[in-house]
C-alpha atoms as a PDB file:
ATOM      1  CA  MET A   1      79.028  14.520  23.723  1.00  0.00           C
ATOM      2  CA  SER A   2      81.799  16.755  22.364  1.00  0.00           C
ATOM      3  CA  ARG A   3      83.295  16.978  18.871  1.00  0.00           C
ATOM      4  CA  SER A   4      85.622  19.172  16.881  1.00  0.00           C
ATOM      5  CA  PHE A   5      85.626  19.777  13.148  1.00  0.00           C
ATOM      6  CA  GLY A   6      88.137  20.823  10.559  1.00  0.00           C
ATOM      7  CA  GLU A   7      91.844  21.461  10.613  1.00  0.00           C
ATOM      8  CA  ALA A   8      93.100  22.132  14.157  1.00  0.00           C
ATOM      9  CA  GLY A   9      89.530  21.923  15.468  1.00  0.00           C
ATOM     10  CA  ARG A  10      88.304  25.106  13.802  1.00  0.00           C
ATOM     11  CA  VAL A  11      84.772  24.503  15.147  1.00  0.00           C
ATOM     12  CA  THR A  12      83.686  22.649  18.275  1.00  0.00           C
ATOM     13  CA  LEU A  13      80.300  21.212  19.215  1.00  0.00           C
ATOM     14  CA  SER A  14      79.022  19.923  22.551  1.00  0.00           C
ATOM     15  CA  LEU A  15      75.543  18.816  23.602  1.00  0.00           C
ATOM     16  CA  GLU A  16      74.284  19.862  27.030  1.00  0.00           C
ATOM     17  CA  GLU A  17      71.634  18.162  29.100  1.00  0.00           C
ATOM     18  CA  GLY A  18      68.209  19.150  27.830  1.00  0.00           C
ATOM     19  CA  GLY A  19      69.195  19.089  24.173  1.00  0.00           C
ATOM     20  CA  VAL A  20      71.021  22.435  23.869  1.00  0.00           C
ATOM     21  CA  ALA A  21      74.026  22.309  21.531  1.00  0.00           C
ATOM     22  CA  GLN A  22      76.932  24.696  22.044  1.00  0.00           C
ATOM     23  CA  VAL A  23      78.776  25.498  18.794  1.00  0.00           C
ATOM     24  CA  ARG A  24      81.993  27.502  18.906  1.00  0.00           C
ATOM     25  CA  LEU A  25      84.134  29.138  16.282  1.00  0.00           C
ATOM     26  CA  ALA A  26      87.487  28.046  17.679  1.00  0.00           C
ATOM     27  CA  ARG A  27      90.265  29.983  15.989  1.00  0.00           C
ATOM     28  CA  SER A  28      90.700  32.431  18.819  1.00  0.00           C
ATOM     29  CA  ASP A  29      94.312  33.359  17.969  1.00  0.00           C
ATOM     30  CA  LYS A  30      92.947  34.930  14.759  1.00  0.00           C
ATOM     31  CA  LEU A  31      89.744  36.334  16.307  1.00  0.00           C
ATOM     32  CA  ASN A  32      87.953  33.400  14.627  1.00  0.00           C
ATOM     33  CA  ALA A  33      88.646  34.816  11.174  1.00  0.00           C
ATOM     34  CA  LEU A  34      87.256  32.716   8.332  1.00  0.00           C
ATOM     35  CA  ASP A  35      89.691  30.645   6.293  1.00  0.00           C
ATOM     36  CA  ARG A  36      88.933  27.676   4.038  1.00  0.00           C
ATOM     37  CA  PRO A  37      89.225  25.083   6.845  1.00  0.00           C
ATOM     38  CA  MET A  38      86.812  27.174   8.946  1.00  0.00           C
ATOM     39  CA  PHE A  39      84.203  27.175   6.167  1.00  0.00           C
ATOM     40  CA  GLN A  40      84.499  23.404   5.803  1.00  0.00           C
ATOM     41  CA  ALA A  41      84.340  22.889   9.573  1.00  0.00           C
ATOM     42  CA  LEU A  42      81.206  25.021   9.876  1.00  0.00           C
ATOM     43  CA  SER A  43      79.540  23.042   7.116  1.00  0.00           C
ATOM     44  CA  GLU A  44      80.447  19.721   8.766  1.00  0.00           C
ATOM     45  CA  ALA A  45      79.129  20.879  12.136  1.00  0.00           C
ATOM     46  CA  GLY A  46      75.868  21.933  10.506  1.00  0.00           C
ATOM     47  CA  GLN A  47      75.465  18.506   8.920  1.00  0.00           C
ATOM     48  CA  VAL A  48      75.906  16.811  12.306  1.00  0.00           C
ATOM     49  CA  LEU A  49      73.372  19.130  13.941  1.00  0.00           C
ATOM     50  CA  ALA A  50      70.821  18.524  11.180  1.00  0.00           C
ATOM     51  CA  ARG A  51      70.663  14.823  12.030  1.00  0.00           C
ATOM     52  CA  MET A  52      71.339  14.982  15.787  1.00  0.00           C
ATOM     53  CA  PRO A  53      68.729  13.132  17.864  1.00  0.00           C
ATOM     54  CA  GLY A  54      67.333  15.008  20.850  1.00  0.00           C
ATOM     55  CA  LEU A  55      68.428  18.426  19.606  1.00  0.00           C
ATOM     56  CA  ARG A  56      66.205  21.240  20.935  1.00  0.00           C
ATOM     57  CA  ALA A  57      68.201  24.470  20.429  1.00  0.00           C
ATOM     58  CA  VAL A  58      71.652  25.718  19.382  1.00  0.00           C
ATOM     59  CA  VAL A  59      73.883  28.451  20.798  1.00  0.00           C
ATOM     60  CA  LEU A  60      76.442  29.770  18.302  1.00  0.00           C
ATOM     61  CA  ALA A  61      79.384  31.765  19.696  1.00  0.00           C
ATOM     62  CA  GLY A  62      83.079  32.457  19.256  1.00  0.00           C
ATOM     63  CA  GLU A  63      85.916  31.512  21.573  1.00  0.00           C
ATOM     64  CA  GLY A  64      88.362  34.071  22.906  1.00  0.00           C
ATOM     65  CA  ARG A  65      88.030  37.814  22.404  1.00  0.00           C
ATOM     66  CA  ALA A  66      85.567  37.896  19.501  1.00  0.00           C
ATOM     67  CA  PHE A  67      82.716  36.237  17.693  1.00  0.00           C
ATOM     68  CA  CYS A  68      84.339  36.521  14.260  1.00  0.00           C
ATOM     69  CA  ALA A  69      86.598  39.079  12.588  1.00  0.00           C
ATOM     70  CA  GLY A  70      85.337  38.183   9.123  1.00  0.00           C
ATOM     71  CA  LEU A  71      87.308  36.820   6.200  1.00  0.00           C
ATOM     72  CA  ASP A  72      90.963  36.004   6.781  1.00  0.00           C
ATOM     73  CA  VAL A  73      92.344  38.124   3.951  1.00  0.00           C
ATOM     74  CA  VAL A  74      95.805  36.567   4.277  1.00  0.00           C
ATOM     75  CA  ALA A  75      94.408  33.039   3.924  1.00  0.00           C
ATOM     76  CA  PHE A  76      92.518  34.081   0.794  1.00  0.00           C
ATOM     77  CA  ALA A  77      95.396  36.064  -0.737  1.00  0.00           C
ATOM     78  CA  GLY A  78      95.560  35.471  -4.474  1.00  0.00           C
ATOM     79  CA  TRP A  79      91.900  34.501  -4.705  1.00  0.00           C
ATOM     80  CA  PRO A  80      90.324  34.230  -7.189  1.00  0.00           C
ATOM     81  CA  GLY A  81      92.934  32.176  -8.977  1.00  0.00           C
ATOM     82  CA  PRO A  82      93.140  29.107 -11.154  1.00  0.00           C
ATOM     83  CA  GLU A  83      92.404  26.807  -8.194  1.00  0.00           C
ATOM     84  CA  ALA A  84      89.501  28.835  -6.796  1.00  0.00           C
ATOM     85  CA  PRO A  85      86.040  27.245  -6.988  1.00  0.00           C
ATOM     86  CA  ASP A  86      83.346  28.737  -9.169  1.00  0.00           C
ATOM     87  CA  ILE A  87      81.200  30.492  -6.575  1.00  0.00           C
ATOM     88  CA  THR A  88      78.274  30.658  -8.988  1.00  0.00           C
ATOM     89  CA  GLU A  89      78.039  26.837  -8.832  1.00  0.00           C
ATOM     90  CA  ARG A  90      75.367  25.565  -6.415  1.00  0.00           C
ATOM     91  CA  THR A  91      77.341  23.034  -4.362  1.00  0.00           C
ATOM     92  CA  HIS A  92      75.127  22.992  -1.239  1.00  0.00           C
ATOM     93  CA  GLY A  93      71.506  22.898  -2.316  1.00  0.00           C
ATOM     94  CA  ILE A  94      70.540  26.426  -3.354  1.00  0.00           C
ATOM     95  CA  ALA A  95      73.878  27.865  -2.200  1.00  0.00           C
ATOM     96  CA  ASN A  96      77.645  27.703  -2.511  1.00  0.00           C
ATOM     97  CA  ILE A  97      79.621  26.774   0.602  1.00  0.00           C
ATOM     98  CA  TYR A  98      80.192  30.403   1.632  1.00  0.00           C
ATOM     99  CA  GLN A  99      76.467  31.141   1.531  1.00  0.00           C
ATOM    100  CA  HIS A 100      75.653  27.762   3.063  1.00  0.00           C
ATOM    101  CA  VAL A 101      77.590  28.303   6.315  1.00  0.00           C
ATOM    102  CA  ALA A 102      75.371  31.325   7.047  1.00  0.00           C
ATOM    103  CA  LEU A 103      72.103  29.993   5.634  1.00  0.00           C
ATOM    104  CA  GLN A 104      72.363  26.588   7.322  1.00  0.00           C
ATOM    105  CA  TRP A 105      71.436  27.986  10.752  1.00  0.00           C
ATOM    106  CA  ARG A 106      68.127  29.238   9.350  1.00  0.00           C
ATOM    107  CA  GLN A 107      67.571  25.846   7.714  1.00  0.00           C
ATOM    108  CA  LEU A 108      68.111  23.811  10.880  1.00  0.00           C
ATOM    109  CA  PRO A 109      64.764  22.623  12.286  1.00  0.00           C
ATOM    110  CA  VAL A 110      65.507  24.020  15.776  1.00  0.00           C
ATOM    111  CA  PRO A 111      66.116  27.612  16.947  1.00  0.00           C
ATOM    112  CA  VAL A 112      69.662  28.957  16.782  1.00  0.00           C
ATOM    113  CA  ILE A 113      70.806  31.843  18.986  1.00  0.00           C
ATOM    114  CA  ALA A 114      74.036  33.688  18.196  1.00  0.00           C
ATOM    115  CA  ALA A 115      75.976  35.233  21.105  1.00  0.00           C
ATOM    116  CA  LEU A 116      78.131  38.147  19.923  1.00  0.00           C
ATOM    117  CA  HIS A 117      81.070  39.828  21.652  1.00  0.00           C
ATOM    118  CA  GLY A 118      84.271  41.576  20.692  1.00  0.00           C
ATOM    119  CA  VAL A 119      83.980  42.000  16.939  1.00  0.00           C
ATOM    120  CA  CYS A 120      81.437  40.609  14.482  1.00  0.00           C
ATOM    121  CA  LEU A 121      82.568  41.752  11.058  1.00  0.00           C
ATOM    122  CA  GLY A 122      81.850  40.944   7.422  1.00  0.00           C
ATOM    123  CA  GLY A 123      81.314  37.243   6.938  1.00  0.00           C
ATOM    124  CA  GLY A 124      81.043  36.827  10.692  1.00  0.00           C
ATOM    125  CA  LEU A 125      78.006  39.105  10.754  1.00  0.00           C
ATOM    126  CA  GLN A 126      76.431  37.175   7.892  1.00  0.00           C
ATOM    127  CA  ILE A 127      76.934  33.884   9.760  1.00  0.00           C
ATOM    128  CA  ALA A 128      75.391  35.421  12.887  1.00  0.00           C
ATOM    129  CA  SER A 129      72.497  36.721  10.779  1.00  0.00           C
ATOM    130  CA  GLY A 130      71.608  33.147   9.896  1.00  0.00           C
ATOM    131  CA  ALA A 131      70.636  32.546  13.515  1.00  0.00           C
ATOM    132  CA  ASP A 132      67.009  32.957  14.573  1.00  0.00           C
ATOM    133  CA  PHE A 133      68.118  35.880  16.731  1.00  0.00           C
ATOM    134  CA  ARG A 134      71.221  37.479  18.206  1.00  0.00           C
ATOM    135  CA  VAL A 135      72.297  38.496  21.711  1.00  0.00           C
ATOM    136  CA  ALA A 136      75.222  40.941  21.828  1.00  0.00           C
ATOM    137  CA  SER A 137      77.199  42.845  24.389  1.00  0.00           C
ATOM    138  CA  PRO A 138      76.556  46.588  23.989  1.00  0.00           C
ATOM    139  CA  ASP A 139      80.199  47.263  23.103  1.00  0.00           C
ATOM    140  CA  THR A 140      80.427  44.640  20.344  1.00  0.00           C
ATOM    141  CA  ARG A 141      81.875  46.155  17.165  1.00  0.00           C
ATOM    142  CA  LEU A 142      79.990  45.159  14.013  1.00  0.00           C
ATOM    143  CA  SER A 143      80.311  45.986  10.341  1.00  0.00           C
ATOM    144  CA  ILE A 144      79.060  44.928   6.939  1.00  0.00           C
ATOM    145  CA  MET A 145      82.615  45.549   5.895  1.00  0.00           C
ATOM    146  CA  GLU A 146      82.999  43.892   2.481  1.00  0.00           C
ATOM    147  CA  MET A 147      83.054  47.227   0.616  1.00  0.00           C
ATOM    148  CA  LYS A 148      86.283  48.020   2.477  1.00  0.00           C
ATOM    149  CA  TRP A 149      87.911  45.340   0.319  1.00  0.00           C
ATOM    150  CA  GLY A 150      86.070  46.364  -2.842  1.00  0.00           C
ATOM    151  CA  ILE A 151      83.604  43.470  -2.761  1.00  0.00           C
ATOM    152  CA  ILE A 152      80.002  42.928  -1.691  1.00  0.00           C
ATOM    153  CA  PRO A 153      78.380  40.812   1.045  1.00  0.00           C
ATOM    154  CA  ASP A 154      77.964  37.424  -0.653  1.00  0.00           C
ATOM    155  CA  MET A 155      77.359  34.949   2.189  1.00  0.00           C
ATOM    156  CA  ALA A 156      73.547  35.091   1.979  1.00  0.00           C
ATOM    157  CA  GLY A 157      73.505  38.402   3.833  1.00  0.00           C
ATOM    158  CA  PHE A 158      71.037  40.157   1.540  1.00  0.00           C
ATOM    159  CA  ALA A 159      68.614  37.239   1.903  1.00  0.00           C
ATOM    160  CA  LEU A 160      69.060  36.955   5.679  1.00  0.00           C
ATOM    161  CA  TRP A 161      68.738  40.698   6.344  1.00  0.00           C
ATOM    162  CA  ARG A 162      65.407  40.851   4.506  1.00  0.00           C
ATOM    163  CA  GLY A 163      62.868  41.845   7.138  1.00  0.00           C
ATOM    164  CA  LEU A 164      65.537  42.607   9.768  1.00  0.00           C
ATOM    165  CA  VAL A 165      66.930  45.946   8.628  1.00  0.00           C
ATOM    166  CA  ARG A 166      65.146  48.905   7.052  1.00  0.00           C
ATOM    167  CA  GLU A 167      66.155  49.092   3.399  1.00  0.00           C
ATOM    168  CA  ASP A 168      67.784  52.523   3.474  1.00  0.00           C
ATOM    169  CA  ASP A 169      69.697  51.656   6.662  1.00  0.00           C
ATOM    170  CA  LEU A 170      70.997  48.485   5.034  1.00  0.00           C
ATOM    171  CA  ARG A 171      72.128  50.347   1.945  1.00  0.00           C
ATOM    172  CA  GLU A 172      74.020  52.875   4.075  1.00  0.00           C
ATOM    173  CA  LEU A 173      75.762  50.132   6.049  1.00  0.00           C
ATOM    174  CA  VAL A 174      76.713  48.198   2.905  1.00  0.00           C
ATOM    175  CA  TYR A 175      77.908  51.237   0.920  1.00  0.00           C
ATOM    176  CA  THR A 176      79.998  52.768   3.724  1.00  0.00           C
ATOM    177  CA  ALA A 177      81.267  49.582   5.452  1.00  0.00           C
ATOM    178  CA  ARG A 178      81.384  51.602   8.686  1.00  0.00           C
ATOM    179  CA  GLU A 179      81.625  50.049  12.133  1.00  0.00           C
ATOM    180  CA  PHE A 180      78.776  50.336  14.624  1.00  0.00           C
ATOM    181  CA  SER A 181      78.205  49.205  18.196  1.00  0.00           C
ATOM    182  CA  GLY A 182      75.975  46.509  19.603  1.00  0.00           C
ATOM    183  CA  GLU A 183      73.686  49.249  20.872  1.00  0.00           C
ATOM    184  CA  GLU A 184      73.268  50.735  17.385  1.00  0.00           C
ATOM    185  CA  ALA A 185      72.876  47.224  15.934  1.00  0.00           C
ATOM    186  CA  ARG A 186      69.931  46.734  18.304  1.00  0.00           C
ATOM    187  CA  GLN A 187      68.337  49.933  16.999  1.00  0.00           C
ATOM    188  CA  LEU A 188      68.958  48.881  13.390  1.00  0.00           C
ATOM    189  CA  GLY A 189      67.476  45.410  13.866  1.00  0.00           C
ATOM    190  CA  LEU A 190      70.663  43.372  13.374  1.00  0.00           C
ATOM    191  CA  VAL A 191      70.795  42.488  17.086  1.00  0.00           C
ATOM    192  CA  THR A 192      67.801  41.254  19.077  1.00  0.00           C
ATOM    193  CA  LEU A 193      68.923  41.614  22.699  1.00  0.00           C
ATOM    194  CA  LEU A 194      71.748  43.376  24.538  1.00  0.00           C
ATOM    195  CA  ASP A 195      73.474  41.799  27.528  1.00  0.00           C
ATOM    196  CA  PRO A 196      76.918  42.267  29.114  1.00  0.00           C
ATOM    197  CA  ASP A 197      77.214  38.456  29.134  1.00  0.00           C
ATOM    198  CA  PRO A 198      75.683  37.465  25.797  1.00  0.00           C
ATOM    199  CA  LEU A 199      76.735  33.812  26.018  1.00  0.00           C
ATOM    200  CA  ALA A 200      75.081  33.274  29.394  1.00  0.00           C
ATOM    201  CA  ARG A 201      71.926  35.043  28.204  1.00  0.00           C
ATOM    202  CA  ALA A 202      71.796  33.084  24.948  1.00  0.00           C
ATOM    203  CA  THR A 203      72.314  29.799  26.797  1.00  0.00           C
ATOM    204  CA  SER A 204      69.584  30.631  29.292  1.00  0.00           C
ATOM    205  CA  ILE A 205      67.134  31.397  26.476  1.00  0.00           C
ATOM    206  CA  ALA A 206      68.145  28.222  24.630  1.00  0.00           C
ATOM    207  CA  HIS A 207      67.339  26.103  27.692  1.00  0.00           C
ATOM    208  CA  GLU A 208      64.013  27.907  28.068  1.00  0.00           C
ATOM    209  CA  ILE A 209      63.185  27.068  24.441  1.00  0.00           C
ATOM    210  CA  ALA A 210      64.358  23.486  24.992  1.00  0.00           C
ATOM    211  CA  SER A 211      61.792  23.099  27.790  1.00  0.00           C
ATOM    212  CA  LYS A 212      58.889  23.690  25.354  1.00  0.00           C
ATOM    213  CA  ASN A 213      57.089  21.184  23.114  1.00  0.00           C
ATOM    214  CA  PRO A 214      59.807  20.400  20.549  1.00  0.00           C
ATOM    215  CA  HIS A 215      57.283  19.616  17.811  1.00  0.00           C
ATOM    216  CA  ALA A 216      55.607  22.998  18.287  1.00  0.00           C
ATOM    217  CA  ILE A 217      58.978  24.807  18.330  1.00  0.00           C
ATOM    218  CA  ARG A 218      60.009  23.176  15.054  1.00  0.00           C
ATOM    219  CA  LYS A 219      56.695  24.023  13.403  1.00  0.00           C
ATOM    220  CA  ALA A 220      56.963  27.612  14.640  1.00  0.00           C
ATOM    221  CA  LYS A 221      60.426  27.920  13.069  1.00  0.00           C
ATOM    222  CA  HIS A 222      59.148  26.406   9.829  1.00  0.00           C
ATOM    223  CA  LEU A 223      56.356  29.001   9.698  1.00  0.00           C
ATOM    224  CA  ALA A 224      58.703  31.837  10.623  1.00  0.00           C
ATOM    225  CA  ASN A 225      60.899  30.885   7.663  1.00  0.00           C
ATOM    226  CA  ALA A 226      57.943  30.378   5.320  1.00  0.00           C
ATOM    227  CA  ARG A 227      56.435  33.802   6.013  1.00  0.00           C
ATOM    228  CA  HIS A 228      58.994  35.385   3.669  1.00  0.00           C
ATOM    229  CA  GLU A 229      58.575  32.753   0.975  1.00  0.00           C
ATOM    230  CA  LEU A 230      54.876  31.886   0.682  1.00  0.00           C
ATOM    231  CA  PRO A 231      51.930  33.991  -0.489  1.00  0.00           C
ATOM    232  CA  ILE A 232      49.481  34.815   2.310  1.00  0.00           C
ATOM    233  CA  ALA A 233      46.908  32.266   1.159  1.00  0.00           C
ATOM    234  CA  GLU A 234      49.473  29.448   1.198  1.00  0.00           C
ATOM    235  CA  LEU A 235      50.904  30.603   4.519  1.00  0.00           C
ATOM    236  CA  LEU A 236      47.438  30.498   6.105  1.00  0.00           C
ATOM    237  CA  VAL A 237      46.982  26.916   4.943  1.00  0.00           C
ATOM    238  CA  GLU A 238      50.443  25.966   6.222  1.00  0.00           C
ATOM    239  CA  GLU A 239      49.675  27.544   9.586  1.00  0.00           C
ATOM    240  CA  ALA A 240      46.376  25.676   9.903  1.00  0.00           C
ATOM    241  CA  ARG A 241      47.990  22.389   8.864  1.00  0.00           C
ATOM    242  CA  ALA A 242      50.701  22.760  11.501  1.00  0.00           C
ATOM    243  CA  GLN A 243      48.172  23.536  14.220  1.00  0.00           C
ATOM    244  CA  HIS A 244      45.962  20.619  13.176  1.00  0.00           C
ATOM    245  CA  GLU A 245      48.914  18.263  13.589  1.00  0.00           C
ATOM    246  CA  LEU A 246      49.777  19.669  17.030  1.00  0.00           C
ATOM    247  CA  ILE A 247      46.357  19.765  18.715  1.00  0.00           C
ATOM    248  CA  TYR A 248      45.715  16.659  20.829  1.00  0.00           C
ATOM    249  CA  SER A 249      49.125  15.238  19.955  1.00  0.00           C
ATOM    250  CA  LYS A 250      50.999  13.522  22.794  1.00  0.00           C
ATOM    251  CA  ASN A 251      53.395  16.434  23.336  1.00  0.00           C
ATOM    252  CA  GLN A 252      50.653  19.048  23.176  1.00  0.00           C
ATOM    253  CA  LEU A 253      48.638  17.231  25.835  1.00  0.00           C
ATOM    254  CA  GLU A 254      51.794  16.881  27.927  1.00  0.00           C
ATOM    255  CA  ALA A 255      52.339  20.641  27.697  1.00  0.00           C
ATOM    256  CA  VAL A 256      48.843  21.199  29.102  1.00  0.00           C
ATOM    257  CA  MET A 257      49.064  18.551  31.825  1.00  0.00           C
ATOM    258  CA  SER A 258      52.483  19.690  33.049  1.00  0.00           C
ATOM    259  CA  GLN A 259      51.079  23.198  33.487  1.00  0.00           C
ATOM    260  CA  LEU A 260      48.003  21.955  35.329  1.00  0.00           C
ATOM    261  CA  GLN A 261      50.100  19.689  37.561  1.00  0.00           C
ATOM    262  CA  ASP A 262      52.848  22.299  38.065  1.00  0.00           C
ATOM    263  CA  ARG A 263      55.667  19.977  37.038  1.00  0.00           C
ATOM    264  CA  LYS A 264      58.428  19.757  34.449  1.00  0.00           C
ATOM    265  CA  PRO A 265      57.108  18.414  31.133  1.00  0.00           C
ATOM    266  CA  ARG A 266      58.328  15.112  29.679  1.00  0.00           C
ATOM    267  CA  PHE A 267      58.292  15.514  25.913  1.00  0.00           C
ATOM    268  CA  ASP A 268      59.069  12.987  23.191  1.00  0.00           C
ATOM    269  CA  ASP A 269      61.683  14.285  20.774  1.00  0.00           C
ATOM    270  CA  PRO A 270      60.913  14.487  17.044  1.00  0.00           C
END
């Protein structure tokens, strides 16, 4: 299966054997800079993924020489203006569309891995931060660069960076808008793994995840999200409830038997 979304195919999606979806920002002539059609295309792709049968994991990457150069300032010239939407309006659940295209990766029921190369700037970094984790080449150039244009990060970045970056480090990066490398991003917590071929590494990890009990993976992601939202007492109950539903379920028993019989597991998809 292969699909494209938005004007001129701004985003592409393909599903590999094993349930791994490959999502690409596909505006390579502009370093995948974010214009209005790109935002809409990302939202449409997320909607398709949310209801895709057999989905086990997602790899999010950019085509060409970069992951994403951030906001296309030319495309948004003159904004805000009389035709600009009210960004305080909640058009996508708890978010506006600009926040939604970053937050939606965290809200998907399956793990999302972002593969970063070239540049990952501004809004591009916020979109990548919505993934469960990030693999980057050491020489990737990153920046929380909104202050360069006299604005603030407003694509759910502050919510997504909670727990990833030490507070004083985050403040320094936001206030200065300086660039930093993939290696420094790993030290700061914005990048999880470094690899000279981040796409290959991310895809390999995605297929490894896809080989596990999909019900358990989805419950693990649910709990990982909930740990920042629920009080400890409620989180403990949620954890116990999830485990109770998994133990002796068909997929859990298959996970055990496939290990004992040294064979590839055959899981039912959620």
